[in-house]
Amino acid sequence: MVGQQSNTSRWFRTAQAIILALAVLAPATVRAQDVKFKVEERSSLAWWQMSPHLLHLWATTCPGDPSWQPGAERSSGWVVDDSKYPSTGHSNTIDTIHVPLYPRPVAQAICTPAVRGEFTVRDTVRWTGVKGMVAIRVEHLITGLDMRDNYARKAVLQTSAYPEVKFQVDSMINQRKSGDTTIADLFGIFEMRGVRVPKKIRAYFWQEPLGLRVTAKFKFPGTDLPEVYKMSRLSLGLGVGTGLWKIVHLGIDAILTPGS
């Protein structure tokens, strides 16, 4: 009987130790269940567009996408459909509706790897606990005019010193559904040319054959280019100097896939 009591006591002490250990480890176990996503680079793109765009001021990192085409000022070799050119934004008129001008209907894995990123999501049902980062390799932004693109890389964006534009996502709130699309506000830090600025952007999520598609865009006054992001006024020229470039739009259209 004494031996049985001793064995029973040891069993209870062991059980208590296991329960205590599980209680201590529980938070770590929950954190380990965060779902990780990564940007699938071949099917993701970034773009920028001026407002007004003057029929040539827009760019993409995926010029091979069949829905996109360059503006009226372009290098030779491009095949364009004049009927697809926009009817607004040619003069000093703000157009914030057709942004971007050529949204792609469905993502395809035909893009230059120019967008990278990783995210973790605590709860993919309610989309809470979202954190991560997305970065754009700005040297791959193409307008279709070689002279303009080379000048932008060297004199304006200075891609050798500042190769990426980044957005560090700290939180996501105001999630709601519209059909199959989830709409939410992302809060984080936007970084361009080494300048870090707090930003809030609207993001849209929906499922496509290649993965979870996410679109979002930033916008800021054209005057922010020299005043906030320290781009050369001389290099920017009359677009900023005369106040012709009213709004700069910068966006991503990315595919997220489960990643380790």
C-alpha atoms as a PDB file:
ATOM      1  CA  MET A   1       0.000   0.000   0.000  1.00  0.00           C
ATOM      2  CA  VAL A   2       2.821   2.386   0.864  1.00  0.00           C
ATOM      3  CA  GLY A   3       4.466   1.595  -2.459  1.00  0.00           C
ATOM      4  CA  GLN A   4       1.213   2.260  -4.316  1.00  0.00           C
ATOM      5  CA  GLN A   5       0.795   5.628  -2.566  1.00  0.00           C
ATOM      6  CA  SER A   6       4.392   6.528  -3.437  1.00  0.00           C
ATOM      7  CA  ASN A   7       3.832   5.643  -7.096  1.00  0.00           C
ATOM      8  CA  THR A   8       0.588   7.591  -7.133  1.00  0.00           C
ATOM      9  CA  SER A   9       2.275  10.641  -5.620  1.00  0.00           C
ATOM     10  CA  ARG A  10       5.051  10.502  -8.188  1.00  0.00           C
ATOM     11  CA  TRP A  11       2.457  10.248 -10.980  1.00  0.00           C
ATOM     12  CA  PHE A  12       0.605  13.328  -9.697  1.00  0.00           C
ATOM     13  CA  ARG A  13       3.856  15.299  -9.377  1.00  0.00           C
ATOM     14  CA  THR A  14       4.789  14.343 -12.935  1.00  0.00           C
ATOM     15  CA  ALA A  15       1.342  15.306 -14.235  1.00  0.00           C
ATOM     16  CA  GLN A  16       1.524  18.659 -12.435  1.00  0.00           C
ATOM     17  CA  ALA A  17       4.947  19.344 -13.951  1.00  0.00           C
ATOM     18  CA  ILE A  18       3.654  18.583 -17.456  1.00  0.00           C
ATOM     19  CA  ILE A  19       0.595  20.817 -16.975  1.00  0.00           C
ATOM     20  CA  LEU A  20       2.797  23.642 -15.669  1.00  0.00           C
ATOM     21  CA  ALA A  21       5.168  23.280 -18.614  1.00  0.00           C
ATOM     22  CA  LEU A  22       2.293  23.408 -21.086  1.00  0.00           C
ATOM     23  CA  ALA A  23       0.911  26.504 -19.385  1.00  0.00           C
ATOM     24  CA  VAL A  24       4.273  28.233 -19.697  1.00  0.00           C
ATOM     25  CA  LEU A  25       4.738  27.178 -23.308  1.00  0.00           C
ATOM     26  CA  ALA A  26       1.186  27.969 -24.447  1.00  0.00           C
ATOM     27  CA  PRO A  27       1.879  31.550 -25.656  1.00  0.00           C
ATOM     28  CA  ALA A  28       4.845  30.349 -27.714  1.00  0.00           C
ATOM     29  CA  THR A  29       2.681  27.591 -29.191  1.00  0.00           C
ATOM     30  CA  VAL A  30       0.062  30.143 -30.257  1.00  0.00           C
ATOM     31  CA  ARG A  31       2.714  32.358 -31.843  1.00  0.00           C
ATOM     32  CA  ALA A  32       4.102  29.386 -33.738  1.00  0.00           C
ATOM     33  CA  GLN A  33       0.705  29.006 -35.423  1.00  0.00           C
ATOM     34  CA  ASP A  34       0.985  32.365 -37.208  1.00  0.00           C
ATOM     35  CA  VAL A  35       0.447  31.843 -40.935  1.00  0.00           C
ATOM     36  CA  LYS A  36       3.350  33.054 -43.058  1.00  0.00           C
ATOM     37  CA  PHE A  37       3.055  34.442 -46.561  1.00  0.00           C
ATOM     38  CA  LYS A  38       5.642  35.554 -49.077  1.00  0.00           C
ATOM     39  CA  VAL A  39       5.366  37.638 -52.233  1.00  0.00           C
ATOM     40  CA  GLU A  40       5.491  35.504 -55.363  1.00  0.00           C
ATOM     41  CA  GLU A  41       7.790  37.716 -57.412  1.00  0.00           C
ATOM     42  CA  ARG A  42       7.092  36.471 -60.934  1.00  0.00           C
ATOM     43  CA  SER A  43       3.388  37.284 -60.630  1.00  0.00           C
ATOM     44  CA  SER A  44       3.707  40.537 -58.634  1.00  0.00           C
ATOM     45  CA  LEU A  45       4.267  44.073 -59.870  1.00  0.00           C
ATOM     46  CA  ALA A  46       4.582  47.704 -58.814  1.00  0.00           C
ATOM     47  CA  TRP A  47       3.597  50.840 -60.694  1.00  0.00           C
ATOM     48  CA  TRP A  48       3.587  54.633 -60.488  1.00  0.00           C
ATOM     49  CA  GLN A  49       1.471  57.279 -62.200  1.00  0.00           C
ATOM     50  CA  MET A  50       1.378  61.059 -62.186  1.00  0.00           C
ATOM     51  CA  SER A  51      -1.803  63.078 -62.075  1.00  0.00           C
ATOM     52  CA  PRO A  52      -2.158  64.629 -64.562  1.00  0.00           C
ATOM     53  CA  HIS A  53      -0.279  61.965 -66.537  1.00  0.00           C
ATOM     54  CA  LEU A  54      -0.040  64.048 -69.761  1.00  0.00           C
ATOM     55  CA  LEU A  55      -0.431  60.846 -71.803  1.00  0.00           C
ATOM     56  CA  HIS A  56       3.025  59.512 -70.887  1.00  0.00           C
ATOM     57  CA  LEU A  57       3.786  59.737 -67.154  1.00  0.00           C
ATOM     58  CA  TRP A  58       3.183  56.205 -65.868  1.00  0.00           C
ATOM     59  CA  ALA A  59       5.316  53.117 -65.330  1.00  0.00           C
ATOM     60  CA  THR A  60       5.227  49.453 -64.337  1.00  0.00           C
ATOM     61  CA  THR A  61       7.627  46.701 -63.328  1.00  0.00           C
ATOM     62  CA  CYS A  62       5.688  44.272 -65.545  1.00  0.00           C
ATOM     63  CA  PRO A  63       5.665  45.782 -69.055  1.00  0.00           C
ATOM     64  CA  GLY A  64       5.052  42.329 -70.535  1.00  0.00           C
ATOM     65  CA  ASP A  65       1.569  42.133 -69.061  1.00  0.00           C
ATOM     66  CA  PRO A  66      -0.886  42.199 -71.996  1.00  0.00           C
ATOM     67  CA  SER A  67      -3.125  44.770 -70.288  1.00  0.00           C
ATOM     68  CA  TRP A  68      -0.343  47.419 -70.101  1.00  0.00           C
ATOM     69  CA  GLN A  69       1.110  49.751 -72.679  1.00  0.00           C
ATOM     70  CA  PRO A  70       3.455  52.780 -72.565  1.00  0.00           C
ATOM     71  CA  GLY A  71       2.460  56.361 -73.202  1.00  0.00           C
ATOM     72  CA  ALA A  72       2.659  58.511 -76.306  1.00  0.00           C
ATOM     73  CA  GLU A  73       6.332  59.340 -75.630  1.00  0.00           C
ATOM     74  CA  ARG A  74       8.059  55.973 -75.974  1.00  0.00           C
ATOM     75  CA  SER A  75      11.017  54.255 -77.546  1.00  0.00           C
ATOM     76  CA  SER A  76      10.725  52.252 -80.746  1.00  0.00           C
ATOM     77  CA  GLY A  77       9.732  48.614 -80.654  1.00  0.00           C
ATOM     78  CA  TRP A  78       6.556  48.889 -78.575  1.00  0.00           C
ATOM     79  CA  VAL A  79       3.241  47.651 -79.936  1.00  0.00           C
ATOM     80  CA  VAL A  80       0.391  49.857 -78.735  1.00  0.00           C
ATOM     81  CA  ASP A  81      -3.324  50.167 -79.298  1.00  0.00           C
ATOM     82  CA  ASP A  82      -4.238  53.838 -79.670  1.00  0.00           C
ATOM     83  CA  SER A  83      -7.857  53.066 -78.818  1.00  0.00           C
ATOM     84  CA  LYS A  84      -6.762  52.081 -75.295  1.00  0.00           C
ATOM     85  CA  TYR A  85      -5.219  55.462 -74.560  1.00  0.00           C
ATOM     86  CA  PRO A  86      -7.072  57.357 -71.809  1.00  0.00           C
ATOM     87  CA  SER A  87      -9.400  60.204 -72.663  1.00  0.00           C
ATOM     88  CA  THR A  88      -8.620  62.080 -69.437  1.00  0.00           C
ATOM     89  CA  GLY A  89      -5.513  63.447 -67.773  1.00  0.00           C
ATOM     90  CA  HIS A  90      -3.958  64.926 -70.907  1.00  0.00           C
ATOM     91  CA  SER A  91      -3.900  68.492 -69.644  1.00  0.00           C
ATOM     92  CA  ASN A  92      -3.638  70.136 -66.243  1.00  0.00           C
ATOM     93  CA  THR A  93      -6.695  68.218 -64.992  1.00  0.00           C
ATOM     94  CA  ILE A  94      -6.673  65.900 -61.995  1.00  0.00           C
ATOM     95  CA  ASP A  95      -7.848  62.354 -62.668  1.00  0.00           C
ATOM     96  CA  THR A  96      -7.925  60.192 -59.540  1.00  0.00           C
ATOM     97  CA  ILE A  97     -10.425  57.680 -60.954  1.00  0.00           C
ATOM     98  CA  HIS A  98      -8.334  55.922 -63.618  1.00  0.00           C
ATOM     99  CA  VAL A  99      -5.451  55.017 -61.327  1.00  0.00           C
ATOM    100  CA  PRO A 100      -3.733  52.902 -62.472  1.00  0.00           C
ATOM    101  CA  LEU A 101      -4.636  53.423 -66.093  1.00  0.00           C
ATOM    102  CA  TYR A 102      -4.144  49.771 -66.997  1.00  0.00           C
ATOM    103  CA  PRO A 103      -5.178  47.516 -64.107  1.00  0.00           C
ATOM    104  CA  ARG A 104      -4.616  43.876 -64.993  1.00  0.00           C
ATOM    105  CA  PRO A 105      -7.716  41.654 -64.943  1.00  0.00           C
ATOM    106  CA  VAL A 106      -5.876  38.634 -63.521  1.00  0.00           C
ATOM    107  CA  ALA A 107      -2.346  38.045 -62.250  1.00  0.00           C
ATOM    108  CA  GLN A 108       0.057  36.119 -64.468  1.00  0.00           C
ATOM    109  CA  ALA A 109       3.544  34.825 -63.699  1.00  0.00           C
ATOM    110  CA  ILE A 110       5.228  36.847 -66.452  1.00  0.00           C
ATOM    111  CA  CYS A 111       6.744  39.758 -64.510  1.00  0.00           C
ATOM    112  CA  THR A 112      10.305  40.806 -63.771  1.00  0.00           C
ATOM    113  CA  PRO A 113      11.095  39.913 -60.136  1.00  0.00           C
ATOM    114  CA  ALA A 114      10.846  43.453 -58.777  1.00  0.00           C
ATOM    115  CA  VAL A 115       8.607  43.102 -55.715  1.00  0.00           C
ATOM    116  CA  ARG A 116       9.582  41.099 -52.650  1.00  0.00           C
ATOM    117  CA  GLY A 117       8.063  40.731 -49.206  1.00  0.00           C
ATOM    118  CA  GLU A 118       6.964  38.538 -46.328  1.00  0.00           C
ATOM    119  CA  PHE A 119       3.987  38.694 -43.953  1.00  0.00           C
ATOM    120  CA  THR A 120       2.659  36.874 -40.915  1.00  0.00           C
ATOM    121  CA  VAL A 121      -1.036  36.666 -40.024  1.00  0.00           C
ATOM    122  CA  ARG A 122      -2.262  35.610 -36.589  1.00  0.00           C
ATOM    123  CA  ASP A 123      -5.841  34.879 -37.697  1.00  0.00           C
ATOM    124  CA  THR A 124      -6.626  34.379 -41.408  1.00  0.00           C
ATOM    125  CA  VAL A 125     -10.377  34.187 -40.750  1.00  0.00           C
ATOM    126  CA  ARG A 126     -10.678  37.659 -39.232  1.00  0.00           C
ATOM    127  CA  TRP A 127      -7.332  38.866 -40.676  1.00  0.00           C
ATOM    128  CA  THR A 128      -5.881  40.084 -37.408  1.00  0.00           C
ATOM    129  CA  GLY A 129      -2.286  40.231 -36.251  1.00  0.00           C
ATOM    130  CA  VAL A 130      -0.951  41.190 -39.693  1.00  0.00           C
ATOM    131  CA  LYS A 131       2.689  42.269 -39.860  1.00  0.00           C
ATOM    132  CA  GLY A 132       5.278  42.270 -42.585  1.00  0.00           C
ATOM    133  CA  MET A 133       7.173  44.170 -45.254  1.00  0.00           C
ATOM    134  CA  VAL A 134       7.022  44.705 -48.996  1.00  0.00           C
ATOM    135  CA  ALA A 135       9.819  46.228 -51.084  1.00  0.00           C
ATOM    136  CA  ILE A 136       9.966  47.479 -54.684  1.00  0.00           C
ATOM    137  CA  ARG A 137      13.200  47.386 -56.714  1.00  0.00           C
ATOM    138  CA  VAL A 138      12.769  50.768 -58.360  1.00  0.00           C
ATOM    139  CA  GLU A 139      15.314  50.189 -61.127  1.00  0.00           C
ATOM    140  CA  HIS A 140      12.750  47.889 -62.770  1.00  0.00           C
ATOM    141  CA  LEU A 141      10.082  50.598 -63.166  1.00  0.00           C
ATOM    142  CA  ILE A 142       9.558  51.090 -66.915  1.00  0.00           C
ATOM    143  CA  THR A 143       7.754  53.958 -68.654  1.00  0.00           C
ATOM    144  CA  GLY A 144       8.610  52.760 -72.161  1.00  0.00           C
ATOM    145  CA  LEU A 145      10.954  55.636 -73.014  1.00  0.00           C
ATOM    146  CA  ASP A 146      14.530  54.468 -72.473  1.00  0.00           C
ATOM    147  CA  MET A 147      15.966  57.965 -72.139  1.00  0.00           C
ATOM    148  CA  ARG A 148      13.471  58.909 -69.414  1.00  0.00           C
ATOM    149  CA  ASP A 149      13.929  55.635 -67.519  1.00  0.00           C
ATOM    150  CA  ASN A 150      17.723  55.860 -67.523  1.00  0.00           C
ATOM    151  CA  TYR A 151      17.591  59.480 -66.396  1.00  0.00           C
ATOM    152  CA  ALA A 152      15.135  58.657 -63.594  1.00  0.00           C
ATOM    153  CA  ARG A 153      17.356  55.846 -62.283  1.00  0.00           C
ATOM    154  CA  LYS A 154      20.505  57.955 -62.304  1.00  0.00           C
ATOM    155  CA  ALA A 155      19.413  61.493 -61.472  1.00  0.00           C
ATOM    156  CA  VAL A 156      16.003  61.325 -59.790  1.00  0.00           C
ATOM    157  CA  LEU A 157      15.613  58.022 -57.964  1.00  0.00           C
ATOM    158  CA  GLN A 158      19.378  57.407 -57.635  1.00  0.00           C
ATOM    159  CA  THR A 159      18.835  53.663 -57.595  1.00  0.00           C
ATOM    160  CA  SER A 160      22.503  52.845 -56.952  1.00  0.00           C
ATOM    161  CA  ALA A 161      22.211  54.491 -53.518  1.00  0.00           C
ATOM    162  CA  TYR A 162      18.518  53.795 -52.856  1.00  0.00           C
ATOM    163  CA  PRO A 163      17.621  50.550 -54.652  1.00  0.00           C
ATOM    164  CA  GLU A 164      14.274  49.922 -52.953  1.00  0.00           C
ATOM    165  CA  VAL A 165      11.090  51.608 -51.812  1.00  0.00           C
ATOM    166  CA  LYS A 166       9.685  49.811 -48.750  1.00  0.00           C
ATOM    167  CA  PHE A 167       6.548  49.630 -46.670  1.00  0.00           C
ATOM    168  CA  GLN A 168       6.773  48.071 -43.204  1.00  0.00           C
ATOM    169  CA  VAL A 169       3.283  46.953 -42.126  1.00  0.00           C
ATOM    170  CA  ASP A 170       2.683  47.224 -38.374  1.00  0.00           C
ATOM    171  CA  SER A 171      -1.065  46.591 -38.185  1.00  0.00           C
ATOM    172  CA  MET A 172      -4.277  46.164 -40.157  1.00  0.00           C
ATOM    173  CA  ILE A 173      -7.686  47.427 -39.038  1.00  0.00           C
ATOM    174  CA  ASN A 174     -11.211  48.122 -40.337  1.00  0.00           C
ATOM    175  CA  GLN A 175     -11.485  44.779 -42.107  1.00  0.00           C
ATOM    176  CA  ARG A 176     -14.731  44.302 -44.024  1.00  0.00           C
ATOM    177  CA  LYS A 177     -16.007  42.171 -46.871  1.00  0.00           C
ATOM    178  CA  SER A 178     -17.323  43.215 -50.262  1.00  0.00           C
ATOM    179  CA  GLY A 179     -18.295  40.046 -52.067  1.00  0.00           C
ATOM    180  CA  ASP A 180     -15.190  37.875 -52.273  1.00  0.00           C
ATOM    181  CA  THR A 181     -12.883  40.816 -51.522  1.00  0.00           C
ATOM    182  CA  THR A 182     -11.566  41.822 -48.113  1.00  0.00           C
ATOM    183  CA  ILE A 183     -10.941  45.567 -47.680  1.00  0.00           C
ATOM    184  CA  ALA A 184      -8.749  46.883 -44.868  1.00  0.00           C
ATOM    185  CA  ASP A 185      -6.524  49.764 -43.778  1.00  0.00           C
ATOM    186  CA  LEU A 186      -2.816  49.080 -43.351  1.00  0.00           C
ATOM    187  CA  PHE A 187      -0.685  51.167 -40.986  1.00  0.00           C
ATOM    188  CA  GLY A 188       3.077  51.263 -41.194  1.00  0.00           C
ATOM    189  CA  ILE A 189       6.232  53.068 -42.274  1.00  0.00           C
ATOM    190  CA  PHE A 190       6.800  54.061 -45.900  1.00  0.00           C
ATOM    191  CA  GLU A 191      10.453  54.466 -46.882  1.00  0.00           C
ATOM    192  CA  MET A 192      11.778  56.095 -50.059  1.00  0.00           C
ATOM    193  CA  ARG A 193      15.321  57.388 -50.621  1.00  0.00           C
ATOM    194  CA  GLY A 194      16.099  56.735 -46.955  1.00  0.00           C
ATOM    195  CA  VAL A 195      13.216  58.893 -45.676  1.00  0.00           C
ATOM    196  CA  ARG A 196      10.746  57.064 -43.404  1.00  0.00           C
ATOM    197  CA  VAL A 197       7.192  58.409 -43.141  1.00  0.00           C
ATOM    198  CA  PRO A 198       4.182  56.939 -41.247  1.00  0.00           C
ATOM    199  CA  LYS A 199       1.440  56.011 -43.713  1.00  0.00           C
ATOM    200  CA  LYS A 200      -2.047  54.526 -43.839  1.00  0.00           C
ATOM    201  CA  ILE A 201      -3.187  52.873 -47.065  1.00  0.00           C
ATOM    202  CA  ARG A 202      -6.257  51.006 -48.248  1.00  0.00           C
ATOM    203  CA  ALA A 203      -5.659  47.404 -49.327  1.00  0.00           C
ATOM    204  CA  TYR A 204      -7.819  44.876 -51.172  1.00  0.00           C
ATOM    205  CA  PHE A 205      -7.438  41.070 -50.876  1.00  0.00           C
ATOM    206  CA  TRP A 206      -9.035  38.282 -52.896  1.00  0.00           C
ATOM    207  CA  GLN A 207      -8.194  34.774 -53.996  1.00  0.00           C
ATOM    208  CA  GLU A 208      -6.957  33.994 -57.514  1.00  0.00           C
ATOM    209  CA  PRO A 209      -5.550  30.813 -59.097  1.00  0.00           C
ATOM    210  CA  LEU A 210      -1.946  31.839 -58.353  1.00  0.00           C
ATOM    211  CA  GLY A 211      -2.594  32.793 -54.711  1.00  0.00           C
ATOM    212  CA  LEU A 212      -3.919  35.611 -52.542  1.00  0.00           C
ATOM    213  CA  ARG A 213      -3.902  38.793 -54.605  1.00  0.00           C
ATOM    214  CA  VAL A 214      -3.321  42.094 -52.798  1.00  0.00           C
ATOM    215  CA  THR A 215      -3.535  45.588 -54.283  1.00  0.00           C
ATOM    216  CA  ALA A 216      -2.758  48.851 -52.515  1.00  0.00           C
ATOM    217  CA  LYS A 217      -1.557  52.315 -53.438  1.00  0.00           C
ATOM    218  CA  PHE A 218       0.064  55.364 -51.904  1.00  0.00           C
ATOM    219  CA  LYS A 219      -0.511  58.923 -53.024  1.00  0.00           C
ATOM    220  CA  PHE A 220       1.171  62.184 -52.072  1.00  0.00           C
ATOM    221  CA  PRO A 221       1.593  65.695 -53.519  1.00  0.00           C
ATOM    222  CA  GLY A 222       4.172  66.163 -56.242  1.00  0.00           C
ATOM    223  CA  THR A 223       5.869  68.753 -54.040  1.00  0.00           C
ATOM    224  CA  ASP A 224       6.764  65.941 -51.593  1.00  0.00           C
ATOM    225  CA  LEU A 225       9.318  64.616 -54.087  1.00  0.00           C
ATOM    226  CA  PRO A 226      11.839  67.403 -53.349  1.00  0.00           C
ATOM    227  CA  GLU A 227      10.530  68.612 -49.980  1.00  0.00           C
ATOM    228  CA  VAL A 228      10.072  65.261 -48.186  1.00  0.00           C
ATOM    229  CA  TYR A 229      12.003  62.684 -50.189  1.00  0.00           C
ATOM    230  CA  LYS A 230      14.867  65.043 -51.092  1.00  0.00           C
ATOM    231  CA  MET A 231      14.865  64.492 -54.832  1.00  0.00           C
ATOM    232  CA  SER A 232      16.755  67.094 -56.829  1.00  0.00           C
ATOM    233  CA  ARG A 233      14.523  69.951 -57.989  1.00  0.00           C
ATOM    234  CA  LEU A 234      16.887  70.470 -60.904  1.00  0.00           C
ATOM    235  CA  SER A 235      16.582  66.820 -61.930  1.00  0.00           C
ATOM    236  CA  LEU A 236      12.798  66.838 -61.567  1.00  0.00           C
ATOM    237  CA  GLY A 237      12.585  69.819 -63.891  1.00  0.00           C
ATOM    238  CA  LEU A 238       9.496  71.803 -64.768  1.00  0.00           C
ATOM    239  CA  GLY A 239       7.004  69.104 -63.749  1.00  0.00           C
ATOM    240  CA  VAL A 240       7.546  69.961 -60.098  1.00  0.00           C
ATOM    241  CA  GLY A 241       9.016  73.427 -60.606  1.00  0.00           C
ATOM    242  CA  THR A 242       5.854  74.748 -62.255  1.00  0.00           C
ATOM    243  CA  GLY A 243       3.476  72.730 -60.099  1.00  0.00           C
ATOM    244  CA  LEU A 244       2.276  70.680 -63.064  1.00  0.00           C
ATOM    245  CA  TRP A 245       2.708  67.321 -61.290  1.00  0.00           C
ATOM    246  CA  LYS A 246      -0.096  67.522 -58.749  1.00  0.00           C
ATOM    247  CA  ILE A 247      -0.274  63.982 -57.320  1.00  0.00           C
ATOM    248  CA  VAL A 248       2.109  61.025 -57.327  1.00  0.00           C
ATOM    249  CA  HIS A 249       0.519  57.570 -57.156  1.00  0.00           C
ATOM    250  CA  LEU A 250       2.595  54.509 -56.285  1.00  0.00           C
ATOM    251  CA  GLY A 251       1.036  51.062 -56.025  1.00  0.00           C
ATOM    252  CA  ILE A 252       1.605  47.343 -55.715  1.00  0.00           C
ATOM    253  CA  ASP A 253      -0.318  44.433 -57.190  1.00  0.00           C
ATOM    254  CA  ALA A 254       1.082  41.323 -55.540  1.00  0.00           C
ATOM    255  CA  ILE A 255       0.389  37.631 -55.193  1.00  0.00           C
ATOM    256  CA  LEU A 256       0.971  36.129 -51.742  1.00  0.00           C
ATOM    257  CA  THR A 257       1.595  32.420 -51.271  1.00  0.00           C
ATOM    258  CA  PRO A 258       2.185  30.402 -48.095  1.00  0.00           C
ATOM    259  CA  GLY A 259       5.853  30.639 -47.197  1.00  0.00           C
ATOM    260  CA  SER A 260       8.218  29.346 -44.537  1.00  0.00           C
END
